[in-house]
Amino acid sequence: MIEVISLHYGPVFKRVFSQLEVFQRFTSAVLGIPIKVDQVHTEYEYPKPVGFVRNRYDLFAEDIKQRIIVEIQQVKEEDFFDRFLYYHLISLVEQVKGFQAYCFDRTVYTIVVLTSIPEDQSVNFSYAQGDFNLVDECGKVVPVYPHRMIFLAPRLVNANTPPEIKDWLEFIKDSLDGKMDDSRYGEVLFQDMMEQMRRSTISPDELSAIKDEAAWELAKARFAAEGEAKGRAEGKAEGKAEGVALILTRQLMRRFGKLPKWAQARLDKADTVQLEAWAEAIFDAKSLKELLG
């Protein structure tokens, strides 16, 4: 068992999956076609904005020979269906420039990886895809548009998950608690990916970005707790602490595994100030005992 920085965090996800071989192997498995690219961009933006919102792709690459664009988006927010449909469409619209005919000369594939599951249960699958092909009155598919969107939910991997991507989703899922059983992954590629996820290999800038993400998740939980108890001063403080304690508990379990009773008792008794202090220090602590005292 080794400790890693979870693929739940965007900087680590991009660090690992922007590696050329990883990107090509992963996208080929997901799409079911061989993908060959020369470069993988992170935080990619089109040179000129398209549409009314400037969008940025977590990972972006183009297979020049096949005229294929592949986008990968790692996501934790709950508006992903609409947001990534927009991203997908922008990569199509961007191709229609100037006075040319309405011609999409490159196929666009958008892969969305969901490292958390929305509470509204809108996701109950490990793999789902949609395309723009037509279906006639007899139920026959008319293959007009090959563009596709693929949504992946590693936390929900199951017996029906397509076998060609199951190992990839299980690898991502295994990382989400911050610990991985390295004996499960004999392939050199997966071993190299785990090495990229070790804390000792993470740069100070990447670690800072990870902490920013963790702080934002904590803030969102705090805002939600405050909103639910709005107008009730005493209940507001209690709800705020409960919200912070909930998100902190999830972070601690990802980092250290199942919490012992003494640790849970410490969390239950702590006020909001103490909980937030622990949340800020979580990535620097080597053990639960060191963090919670």
C-alpha atoms as a PDB file:
ATOM      1  CA  MET A   1       0.000   0.000   0.000  1.00  0.00           C
ATOM      2  CA  ILE A   2       1.330   3.417  -0.949  1.00  0.00           C
ATOM      3  CA  GLU A   3       0.138   6.958  -0.273  1.00  0.00           C
ATOM      4  CA  VAL A   4      -0.703   9.124  -3.281  1.00  0.00           C
ATOM      5  CA  ILE A   5      -2.352  12.443  -4.017  1.00  0.00           C
ATOM      6  CA  SER A   6      -5.864  11.573  -5.180  1.00  0.00           C
ATOM      7  CA  LEU A   7      -6.891  11.889  -8.836  1.00  0.00           C
ATOM      8  CA  HIS A   8      -9.899  13.740  -7.441  1.00  0.00           C
ATOM      9  CA  TYR A   9      -7.699  16.828  -7.540  1.00  0.00           C
ATOM     10  CA  GLY A  10      -7.433  18.547 -10.915  1.00  0.00           C
ATOM     11  CA  PRO A  11      -3.685  19.326 -10.837  1.00  0.00           C
ATOM     12  CA  VAL A  12      -2.837  15.660 -10.238  1.00  0.00           C
ATOM     13  CA  PHE A  13      -5.340  14.374 -12.782  1.00  0.00           C
ATOM     14  CA  LYS A  14      -3.888  16.683 -15.448  1.00  0.00           C
ATOM     15  CA  ARG A  15      -0.329  15.850 -14.442  1.00  0.00           C
ATOM     16  CA  VAL A  16      -0.905  12.109 -14.890  1.00  0.00           C
ATOM     17  CA  PHE A  17      -3.216  12.032 -17.905  1.00  0.00           C
ATOM     18  CA  SER A  18      -1.292  14.641 -19.896  1.00  0.00           C
ATOM     19  CA  GLN A  19       1.542  12.117 -20.256  1.00  0.00           C
ATOM     20  CA  LEU A  20       1.548  11.209 -23.940  1.00  0.00           C
ATOM     21  CA  GLU A  21       1.355   7.418 -23.581  1.00  0.00           C
ATOM     22  CA  VAL A  22      -1.227   7.598 -20.800  1.00  0.00           C
ATOM     23  CA  PHE A  23      -3.429   9.959 -22.816  1.00  0.00           C
ATOM     24  CA  GLN A  24      -3.231   7.824 -25.955  1.00  0.00           C
ATOM     25  CA  ARG A  25      -3.837   4.525 -24.180  1.00  0.00           C
ATOM     26  CA  PHE A  26      -6.707   5.910 -22.098  1.00  0.00           C
ATOM     27  CA  THR A  27      -8.516   7.660 -24.953  1.00  0.00           C
ATOM     28  CA  SER A  28      -8.037   4.683 -27.277  1.00  0.00           C
ATOM     29  CA  ALA A  29      -9.633   2.409 -24.670  1.00  0.00           C
ATOM     30  CA  VAL A  30     -12.543   4.772 -24.019  1.00  0.00           C
ATOM     31  CA  LEU A  31     -13.259   5.582 -27.675  1.00  0.00           C
ATOM     32  CA  GLY A  32     -12.561   2.140 -29.098  1.00  0.00           C
ATOM     33  CA  ILE A  33     -10.317   3.558 -31.827  1.00  0.00           C
ATOM     34  CA  PRO A  34      -6.533   4.052 -31.955  1.00  0.00           C
ATOM     35  CA  ILE A  35      -5.538   7.605 -31.026  1.00  0.00           C
ATOM     36  CA  LYS A  36      -2.154   9.071 -31.977  1.00  0.00           C
ATOM     37  CA  VAL A  37      -1.250  12.612 -30.899  1.00  0.00           C
ATOM     38  CA  ASP A  38       2.014  14.549 -30.799  1.00  0.00           C
ATOM     39  CA  GLN A  39       1.201  16.777 -27.838  1.00  0.00           C
ATOM     40  CA  VAL A  40      -1.311  17.014 -25.004  1.00  0.00           C
ATOM     41  CA  HIS A  41      -2.224  20.514 -23.852  1.00  0.00           C
ATOM     42  CA  THR A  42      -3.403  21.334 -20.334  1.00  0.00           C
ATOM     43  CA  GLU A  43      -5.688  24.289 -19.593  1.00  0.00           C
ATOM     44  CA  TYR A  44      -6.094  24.769 -23.350  1.00  0.00           C
ATOM     45  CA  GLU A  45      -7.999  27.744 -24.781  1.00  0.00           C
ATOM     46  CA  TYR A  46      -8.726  28.551 -28.403  1.00  0.00           C
ATOM     47  CA  PRO A  47      -6.642  31.554 -29.542  1.00  0.00           C
ATOM     48  CA  LYS A  48      -9.796  33.602 -30.058  1.00  0.00           C
ATOM     49  CA  PRO A  49     -12.872  33.208 -27.848  1.00  0.00           C
ATOM     50  CA  VAL A  50     -15.756  31.269 -29.382  1.00  0.00           C
ATOM     51  CA  GLY A  51     -19.244  32.120 -28.171  1.00  0.00           C
ATOM     52  CA  PHE A  52     -19.992  34.231 -25.124  1.00  0.00           C
ATOM     53  CA  VAL A  53     -17.974  32.290 -22.542  1.00  0.00           C
ATOM     54  CA  ARG A  54     -14.241  31.674 -22.719  1.00  0.00           C
ATOM     55  CA  ASN A  55     -13.868  27.979 -21.963  1.00  0.00           C
ATOM     56  CA  ARG A  56     -10.732  26.147 -20.945  1.00  0.00           C
ATOM     57  CA  TYR A  57     -10.109  22.432 -21.513  1.00  0.00           C
ATOM     58  CA  ASP A  58      -8.380  20.438 -18.771  1.00  0.00           C
ATOM     59  CA  LEU A  59      -6.711  18.259 -21.420  1.00  0.00           C
ATOM     60  CA  PHE A  60      -6.844  18.802 -25.159  1.00  0.00           C
ATOM     61  CA  ALA A  61      -5.123  17.074 -28.088  1.00  0.00           C
ATOM     62  CA  GLU A  62      -5.602  16.577 -31.806  1.00  0.00           C
ATOM     63  CA  ASP A  63      -4.962  13.502 -33.910  1.00  0.00           C
ATOM     64  CA  ILE A  64      -3.859  15.305 -37.070  1.00  0.00           C
ATOM     65  CA  LYS A  65      -3.837  12.296 -39.389  1.00  0.00           C
ATOM     66  CA  GLN A  66      -7.376  11.227 -38.500  1.00  0.00           C
ATOM     67  CA  ARG A  67      -8.590  14.830 -38.059  1.00  0.00           C
ATOM     68  CA  ILE A  68      -9.868  14.012 -34.595  1.00  0.00           C
ATOM     69  CA  ILE A  69     -10.022  16.355 -31.608  1.00  0.00           C
ATOM     70  CA  VAL A  70     -10.059  14.692 -28.192  1.00  0.00           C
ATOM     71  CA  GLU A  71     -10.960  16.673 -25.077  1.00  0.00           C
ATOM     72  CA  ILE A  72     -10.768  15.313 -21.541  1.00  0.00           C
ATOM     73  CA  GLN A  73     -12.439  17.139 -18.689  1.00  0.00           C
ATOM     74  CA  GLN A  74     -12.052  16.101 -15.075  1.00  0.00           C
ATOM     75  CA  VAL A  75     -14.984  17.428 -13.073  1.00  0.00           C
ATOM     76  CA  LYS A  76     -16.419  17.647  -9.574  1.00  0.00           C
ATOM     77  CA  GLU A  77     -19.120  20.275 -10.070  1.00  0.00           C
ATOM     78  CA  GLU A  78     -22.807  19.386 -10.437  1.00  0.00           C
ATOM     79  CA  ASP A  79     -23.588  21.325 -13.642  1.00  0.00           C
ATOM     80  CA  PHE A  80     -21.490  19.030 -15.808  1.00  0.00           C
ATOM     81  CA  PHE A  81     -24.151  17.900 -18.315  1.00  0.00           C
ATOM     82  CA  ASP A  82     -24.916  21.382 -19.607  1.00  0.00           C
ATOM     83  CA  ARG A  83     -21.402  22.720 -19.174  1.00  0.00           C
ATOM     84  CA  PHE A  84     -19.674  19.997 -21.146  1.00  0.00           C
ATOM     85  CA  LEU A  85     -22.290  19.979 -23.862  1.00  0.00           C
ATOM     86  CA  TYR A  86     -21.332  23.638 -24.308  1.00  0.00           C
ATOM     87  CA  TYR A  87     -17.603  22.762 -24.368  1.00  0.00           C
ATOM     88  CA  HIS A  88     -18.281  20.036 -26.903  1.00  0.00           C
ATOM     89  CA  LEU A  89     -20.307  22.313 -29.162  1.00  0.00           C
ATOM     90  CA  ILE A  90     -17.693  25.065 -29.002  1.00  0.00           C
ATOM     91  CA  SER A  91     -15.091  22.674 -30.442  1.00  0.00           C
ATOM     92  CA  LEU A  92     -17.487  22.062 -33.320  1.00  0.00           C
ATOM     93  CA  VAL A  93     -18.442  25.685 -33.905  1.00  0.00           C
ATOM     94  CA  GLU A  94     -14.773  26.717 -33.825  1.00  0.00           C
ATOM     95  CA  GLN A  95     -14.238  24.770 -37.044  1.00  0.00           C
ATOM     96  CA  VAL A  96     -16.705  26.894 -39.038  1.00  0.00           C
ATOM     97  CA  LYS A  97     -14.749  30.058 -39.755  1.00  0.00           C
ATOM     98  CA  GLY A  98     -14.853  32.879 -42.248  1.00  0.00           C
ATOM     99  CA  PHE A  99     -16.876  32.316 -45.410  1.00  0.00           C
ATOM    100  CA  GLN A 100     -16.425  28.564 -45.598  1.00  0.00           C
ATOM    101  CA  ALA A 101     -19.370  26.229 -45.922  1.00  0.00           C
ATOM    102  CA  TYR A 102     -20.873  24.661 -42.833  1.00  0.00           C
ATOM    103  CA  CYS A 103     -18.349  21.862 -42.749  1.00  0.00           C
ATOM    104  CA  PHE A 104     -17.020  20.099 -39.650  1.00  0.00           C
ATOM    105  CA  ASP A 105     -13.826  18.613 -41.003  1.00  0.00           C
ATOM    106  CA  ARG A 106     -12.685  17.197 -37.659  1.00  0.00           C
ATOM    107  CA  THR A 107     -14.461  14.776 -35.369  1.00  0.00           C
ATOM    108  CA  VAL A 108     -14.769  15.910 -31.767  1.00  0.00           C
ATOM    109  CA  TYR A 109     -14.769  13.546 -28.794  1.00  0.00           C
ATOM    110  CA  THR A 110     -15.309  14.886 -25.292  1.00  0.00           C
ATOM    111  CA  ILE A 111     -14.514  12.607 -22.347  1.00  0.00           C
ATOM    112  CA  VAL A 112     -15.761  13.711 -18.929  1.00  0.00           C
ATOM    113  CA  VAL A 113     -14.447  11.976 -15.803  1.00  0.00           C
ATOM    114  CA  LEU A 114     -16.652  12.348 -12.711  1.00  0.00           C
ATOM    115  CA  THR A 115     -14.617  11.799  -9.551  1.00  0.00           C
ATOM    116  CA  SER A 116     -17.609  12.532  -7.322  1.00  0.00           C
ATOM    117  CA  ILE A 117     -21.281  11.655  -7.650  1.00  0.00           C
ATOM    118  CA  PRO A 118     -24.051  14.308  -7.559  1.00  0.00           C
ATOM    119  CA  GLU A 119     -26.404  14.009  -4.595  1.00  0.00           C
ATOM    120  CA  ASP A 120     -29.439  14.259  -6.893  1.00  0.00           C
ATOM    121  CA  GLN A 121     -28.652  10.747  -8.218  1.00  0.00           C
ATOM    122  CA  SER A 122     -28.560  11.997 -11.807  1.00  0.00           C
ATOM    123  CA  VAL A 123     -25.606   9.651 -12.331  1.00  0.00           C
ATOM    124  CA  ASN A 124     -26.111   5.923 -11.739  1.00  0.00           C
ATOM    125  CA  PHE A 125     -23.696   4.581 -14.329  1.00  0.00           C
ATOM    126  CA  SER A 126     -19.968   4.051 -14.723  1.00  0.00           C
ATOM    127  CA  TYR A 127     -20.028   4.645 -18.488  1.00  0.00           C
ATOM    128  CA  ALA A 128     -22.492   6.471 -20.734  1.00  0.00           C
ATOM    129  CA  GLN A 129     -22.145   8.019 -24.157  1.00  0.00           C
ATOM    130  CA  GLY A 130     -24.193  10.108 -26.542  1.00  0.00           C
ATOM    131  CA  ASP A 131     -23.746  11.095 -30.173  1.00  0.00           C
ATOM    132  CA  PHE A 132     -25.409  13.206 -32.851  1.00  0.00           C
ATOM    133  CA  ASN A 133     -26.512  10.424 -35.168  1.00  0.00           C
ATOM    134  CA  LEU A 134     -30.102  10.276 -36.375  1.00  0.00           C
ATOM    135  CA  VAL A 135     -32.612   7.475 -35.769  1.00  0.00           C
ATOM    136  CA  ASP A 136     -35.234   6.862 -38.446  1.00  0.00           C
ATOM    137  CA  GLU A 137     -38.863   5.782 -38.041  1.00  0.00           C
ATOM    138  CA  CYS A 138     -37.804   2.115 -38.045  1.00  0.00           C
ATOM    139  CA  GLY A 139     -35.327   2.621 -35.244  1.00  0.00           C
ATOM    140  CA  LYS A 140     -32.326   2.376 -37.564  1.00  0.00           C
ATOM    141  CA  VAL A 141     -29.355   4.593 -36.801  1.00  0.00           C
ATOM    142  CA  VAL A 142     -28.420   6.981 -39.599  1.00  0.00           C
ATOM    143  CA  PRO A 143     -24.662   7.619 -39.112  1.00  0.00           C
ATOM    144  CA  VAL A 144     -24.450  11.313 -39.998  1.00  0.00           C
ATOM    145  CA  TYR A 145     -22.369  12.831 -37.211  1.00  0.00           C
ATOM    146  CA  PRO A 146     -19.613  10.753 -35.548  1.00  0.00           C
ATOM    147  CA  HIS A 147     -18.971  13.286 -32.743  1.00  0.00           C
ATOM    148  CA  ARG A 148     -19.415  11.795 -29.280  1.00  0.00           C
ATOM    149  CA  MET A 149     -19.568  12.707 -25.588  1.00  0.00           C
ATOM    150  CA  ILE A 150     -18.554  10.076 -23.053  1.00  0.00           C
ATOM    151  CA  PHE A 151     -19.183  10.330 -19.309  1.00  0.00           C
ATOM    152  CA  LEU A 152     -17.225   8.123 -16.898  1.00  0.00           C
ATOM    153  CA  ALA A 153     -17.958   7.652 -13.184  1.00  0.00           C
ATOM    154  CA  PRO A 154     -15.142   5.591 -11.605  1.00  0.00           C
ATOM    155  CA  ARG A 155     -16.865   5.401  -8.218  1.00  0.00           C
ATOM    156  CA  LEU A 156     -19.681   3.390  -9.830  1.00  0.00           C
ATOM    157  CA  VAL A 157     -17.597   0.833 -11.715  1.00  0.00           C
ATOM    158  CA  ASN A 158     -19.492  -2.469 -11.827  1.00  0.00           C
ATOM    159  CA  ALA A 159     -19.783  -5.841 -13.555  1.00  0.00           C
ATOM    160  CA  ASN A 160     -21.346  -4.207 -16.627  1.00  0.00           C
ATOM    161  CA  THR A 161     -18.599  -1.636 -17.096  1.00  0.00           C
ATOM    162  CA  PRO A 162     -17.010  -2.170 -20.535  1.00  0.00           C
ATOM    163  CA  PRO A 163     -13.966  -4.414 -19.940  1.00  0.00           C
ATOM    164  CA  GLU A 164     -11.666  -2.280 -22.080  1.00  0.00           C
ATOM    165  CA  ILE A 165     -12.021   0.667 -19.683  1.00  0.00           C
ATOM    166  CA  LYS A 166     -12.714  -1.141 -16.409  1.00  0.00           C
ATOM    167  CA  ASP A 167      -9.041  -1.272 -15.361  1.00  0.00           C
ATOM    168  CA  TRP A 168      -8.711   2.468 -15.967  1.00  0.00           C
ATOM    169  CA  LEU A 169     -11.795   3.326 -13.914  1.00  0.00           C
ATOM    170  CA  GLU A 170     -10.759   1.010 -11.089  1.00  0.00           C
ATOM    171  CA  PHE A 171      -7.325   2.660 -11.047  1.00  0.00           C
ATOM    172  CA  ILE A 172      -8.907   6.120 -10.735  1.00  0.00           C
ATOM    173  CA  LYS A 173     -11.342   4.900  -8.081  1.00  0.00           C
ATOM    174  CA  ASP A 174      -8.537   3.252  -6.096  1.00  0.00           C
ATOM    175  CA  SER A 175      -6.705   6.579  -5.888  1.00  0.00           C
ATOM    176  CA  LEU A 176      -9.599   8.595  -4.500  1.00  0.00           C
ATOM    177  CA  ASP A 177      -8.918   7.780  -0.840  1.00  0.00           C
ATOM    178  CA  GLY A 178      -5.248   8.762  -1.154  1.00  0.00           C
ATOM    179  CA  LYS A 179      -3.970   5.190  -0.841  1.00  0.00           C
ATOM    180  CA  MET A 180      -3.355   2.559  -3.490  1.00  0.00           C
ATOM    181  CA  ASP A 181      -2.509  -1.121  -3.418  1.00  0.00           C
ATOM    182  CA  ASP A 182       0.466  -1.022  -5.778  1.00  0.00           C
ATOM    183  CA  SER A 183       0.579  -4.826  -5.932  1.00  0.00           C
ATOM    184  CA  ARG A 184      -2.631  -4.746  -8.013  1.00  0.00           C
ATOM    185  CA  TYR A 185      -0.952  -2.923 -10.870  1.00  0.00           C
ATOM    186  CA  GLY A 186       1.828  -4.908 -12.472  1.00  0.00           C
ATOM    187  CA  GLU A 187       1.802  -3.037 -15.776  1.00  0.00           C
ATOM    188  CA  VAL A 188       4.674  -0.569 -16.125  1.00  0.00           C
ATOM    189  CA  LEU A 189       2.343   2.202 -17.328  1.00  0.00           C
ATOM    190  CA  PHE A 190       0.207   2.043 -14.182  1.00  0.00           C
ATOM    191  CA  GLN A 191       3.317   1.878 -12.005  1.00  0.00           C
ATOM    192  CA  ASP A 192       4.609   5.043 -13.686  1.00  0.00           C
ATOM    193  CA  MET A 193       1.250   6.744 -13.144  1.00  0.00           C
ATOM    194  CA  MET A 194       1.342   5.953  -9.424  1.00  0.00           C
ATOM    195  CA  GLU A 195       4.846   7.380  -9.213  1.00  0.00           C
ATOM    196  CA  GLN A 196       3.521  10.618 -10.724  1.00  0.00           C
ATOM    197  CA  MET A 197       0.929  10.706  -7.928  1.00  0.00           C
ATOM    198  CA  ARG A 198       3.336  10.340  -5.015  1.00  0.00           C
ATOM    199  CA  ARG A 199       3.528  13.430  -2.876  1.00  0.00           C
ATOM    200  CA  SER A 200       7.313  13.529  -3.158  1.00  0.00           C
ATOM    201  CA  THR A 201       6.984  14.159  -6.911  1.00  0.00           C
ATOM    202  CA  ILE A 202       4.428  16.979  -6.606  1.00  0.00           C
ATOM    203  CA  SER A 203       5.845  20.470  -7.125  1.00  0.00           C
ATOM    204  CA  PRO A 204       5.157  23.310  -4.648  1.00  0.00           C
ATOM    205  CA  ASP A 205       2.973  25.057  -7.256  1.00  0.00           C
ATOM    206  CA  GLU A 206       0.920  21.904  -7.840  1.00  0.00           C
ATOM    207  CA  LEU A 207       0.560  21.326  -4.100  1.00  0.00           C
ATOM    208  CA  SER A 208      -0.627  24.908  -3.672  1.00  0.00           C
ATOM    209  CA  ALA A 209      -3.258  24.384  -6.386  1.00  0.00           C
ATOM    210  CA  ILE A 210      -4.401  21.162  -4.692  1.00  0.00           C
ATOM    211  CA  LYS A 211      -4.782  22.966  -1.384  1.00  0.00           C
ATOM    212  CA  ASP A 212      -6.773  25.683  -3.129  1.00  0.00           C
ATOM    213  CA  GLU A 213      -9.156  23.037  -4.496  1.00  0.00           C
ATOM    214  CA  ALA A 214      -9.543  21.472  -1.058  1.00  0.00           C
ATOM    215  CA  ALA A 215     -10.214  24.892   0.476  1.00  0.00           C
ATOM    216  CA  TRP A 216     -12.832  25.636  -2.189  1.00  0.00           C
ATOM    217  CA  GLU A 217     -14.630  22.364  -1.498  1.00  0.00           C
ATOM    218  CA  LEU A 218     -14.623  23.249   2.178  1.00  0.00           C
ATOM    219  CA  ALA A 219     -15.979  26.724   1.423  1.00  0.00           C
ATOM    220  CA  LYS A 220     -18.809  25.320  -0.710  1.00  0.00           C
ATOM    221  CA  ALA A 221     -19.860  23.039   2.133  1.00  0.00           C
ATOM    222  CA  ARG A 222     -19.765  25.991   4.504  1.00  0.00           C
ATOM    223  CA  PHE A 223     -21.881  28.167   2.201  1.00  0.00           C
ATOM    224  CA  ALA A 224     -24.430  25.380   1.820  1.00  0.00           C
ATOM    225  CA  ALA A 225     -24.665  24.911   5.563  1.00  0.00           C
ATOM    226  CA  GLU A 226     -25.102  28.631   6.081  1.00  0.00           C
ATOM    227  CA  GLY A 227     -27.814  28.831   3.439  1.00  0.00           C
ATOM    228  CA  GLU A 228     -29.846  25.991   4.887  1.00  0.00           C
ATOM    229  CA  ALA A 229     -29.902  27.619   8.316  1.00  0.00           C
ATOM    230  CA  LYS A 230     -30.345  31.210   7.129  1.00  0.00           C
ATOM    231  CA  GLY A 231     -32.185  33.430   9.559  1.00  0.00           C
ATOM    232  CA  ARG A 232     -31.552  31.223  12.583  1.00  0.00           C
ATOM    233  CA  ALA A 233     -28.420  32.502  14.313  1.00  0.00           C
ATOM    234  CA  GLU A 234     -27.961  29.556  16.617  1.00  0.00           C
ATOM    235  CA  GLY A 235     -28.893  27.015  13.975  1.00  0.00           C
ATOM    236  CA  LYS A 236     -26.705  28.814  11.466  1.00  0.00           C
ATOM    237  CA  ALA A 237     -23.581  28.316  13.561  1.00  0.00           C
ATOM    238  CA  GLU A 238     -24.465  24.697  14.173  1.00  0.00           C
ATOM    239  CA  GLY A 239     -25.233  24.046  10.507  1.00  0.00           C
ATOM    240  CA  LYS A 240     -21.996  25.708   9.454  1.00  0.00           C
ATOM    241  CA  ALA A 241     -19.953  23.475  11.758  1.00  0.00           C
ATOM    242  CA  GLU A 242     -21.805  20.383  10.554  1.00  0.00           C
ATOM    243  CA  GLY A 243     -21.131  21.271   6.921  1.00  0.00           C
ATOM    244  CA  VAL A 244     -17.429  21.852   7.553  1.00  0.00           C
ATOM    245  CA  ALA A 245     -17.194  18.656   9.628  1.00  0.00           C
ATOM    246  CA  LEU A 246     -18.811  16.666   6.813  1.00  0.00           C
ATOM    247  CA  ILE A 247     -16.386  17.790   4.115  1.00  0.00           C
ATOM    248  CA  LEU A 248     -13.406  17.459   6.475  1.00  0.00           C
ATOM    249  CA  THR A 249     -14.449  13.904   7.360  1.00  0.00           C
ATOM    250  CA  ARG A 250     -14.508  12.997   3.651  1.00  0.00           C
ATOM    251  CA  GLN A 251     -11.054  14.507   3.153  1.00  0.00           C
ATOM    252  CA  LEU A 252      -9.657  12.654   6.173  1.00  0.00           C
ATOM    253  CA  MET A 253     -11.067   9.344   4.928  1.00  0.00           C
ATOM    254  CA  ARG A 254      -9.504   9.890   1.489  1.00  0.00           C
ATOM    255  CA  ARG A 255      -6.188  10.697   3.170  1.00  0.00           C
ATOM    256  CA  PHE A 256      -6.075   8.220   6.076  1.00  0.00           C
ATOM    257  CA  GLY A 257      -8.845   5.662   5.484  1.00  0.00           C
ATOM    258  CA  LYS A 258     -11.616   4.752   7.939  1.00  0.00           C
ATOM    259  CA  LEU A 259     -11.597   7.021  10.970  1.00  0.00           C
ATOM    260  CA  PRO A 260     -11.147   5.484  14.449  1.00  0.00           C
ATOM    261  CA  LYS A 261     -13.649   6.361  17.178  1.00  0.00           C
ATOM    262  CA  TRP A 262     -11.310   8.778  18.960  1.00  0.00           C
ATOM    263  CA  ALA A 263     -10.824  10.792  15.764  1.00  0.00           C
ATOM    264  CA  GLN A 264     -14.564  10.970  15.083  1.00  0.00           C
ATOM    265  CA  ALA A 265     -15.118  12.104  18.672  1.00  0.00           C
ATOM    266  CA  ARG A 266     -12.598  14.929  18.170  1.00  0.00           C
ATOM    267  CA  LEU A 267     -14.434  16.050  15.047  1.00  0.00           C
ATOM    268  CA  ASP A 268     -17.824  15.945  16.759  1.00  0.00           C
ATOM    269  CA  LYS A 269     -16.651  18.194  19.617  1.00  0.00           C
ATOM    270  CA  ALA A 270     -14.692  20.715  17.516  1.00  0.00           C
ATOM    271  CA  ASP A 271     -16.026  24.149  16.595  1.00  0.00           C
ATOM    272  CA  THR A 272     -15.886  25.675  13.114  1.00  0.00           C
ATOM    273  CA  VAL A 273     -12.585  27.490  13.707  1.00  0.00           C
ATOM    274  CA  GLN A 274     -10.831  24.288  14.765  1.00  0.00           C
ATOM    275  CA  LEU A 275     -12.341  22.277  11.906  1.00  0.00           C
ATOM    276  CA  GLU A 276     -11.172  24.819   9.344  1.00  0.00           C
ATOM    277  CA  ALA A 277      -7.678  24.831  10.857  1.00  0.00           C
ATOM    278  CA  TRP A 278      -7.476  21.049  10.488  1.00  0.00           C
ATOM    279  CA  ALA A 279      -8.695  21.301   6.903  1.00  0.00           C
ATOM    280  CA  GLU A 280      -5.897  23.735   6.076  1.00  0.00           C
ATOM    281  CA  ALA A 281      -3.276  21.439   7.636  1.00  0.00           C
ATOM    282  CA  ILE A 282      -4.486  18.112   6.263  1.00  0.00           C
ATOM    283  CA  PHE A 283      -1.960  17.793   3.419  1.00  0.00           C
ATOM    284  CA  ASP A 284       1.014  18.551   5.653  1.00  0.00           C
ATOM    285  CA  ALA A 285       0.112  15.972   8.302  1.00  0.00           C
ATOM    286  CA  LYS A 286       1.705  12.531   8.118  1.00  0.00           C
ATOM    287  CA  SER A 287      -0.862  10.847  10.362  1.00  0.00           C
ATOM    288  CA  LEU A 288      -4.256  11.376  11.994  1.00  0.00           C
ATOM    289  CA  LYS A 289      -2.572  11.583  15.390  1.00  0.00           C
ATOM    290  CA  GLU A 290      -0.299  14.370  14.223  1.00  0.00           C
ATOM    291  CA  LEU A 291      -3.209  16.322  12.739  1.00  0.00           C
ATOM    292  CA  LEU A 292      -5.909  15.918  15.396  1.00  0.00           C
ATOM    293  CA  GLY A 293      -3.626  15.562  18.410  1.00  0.00           C
END
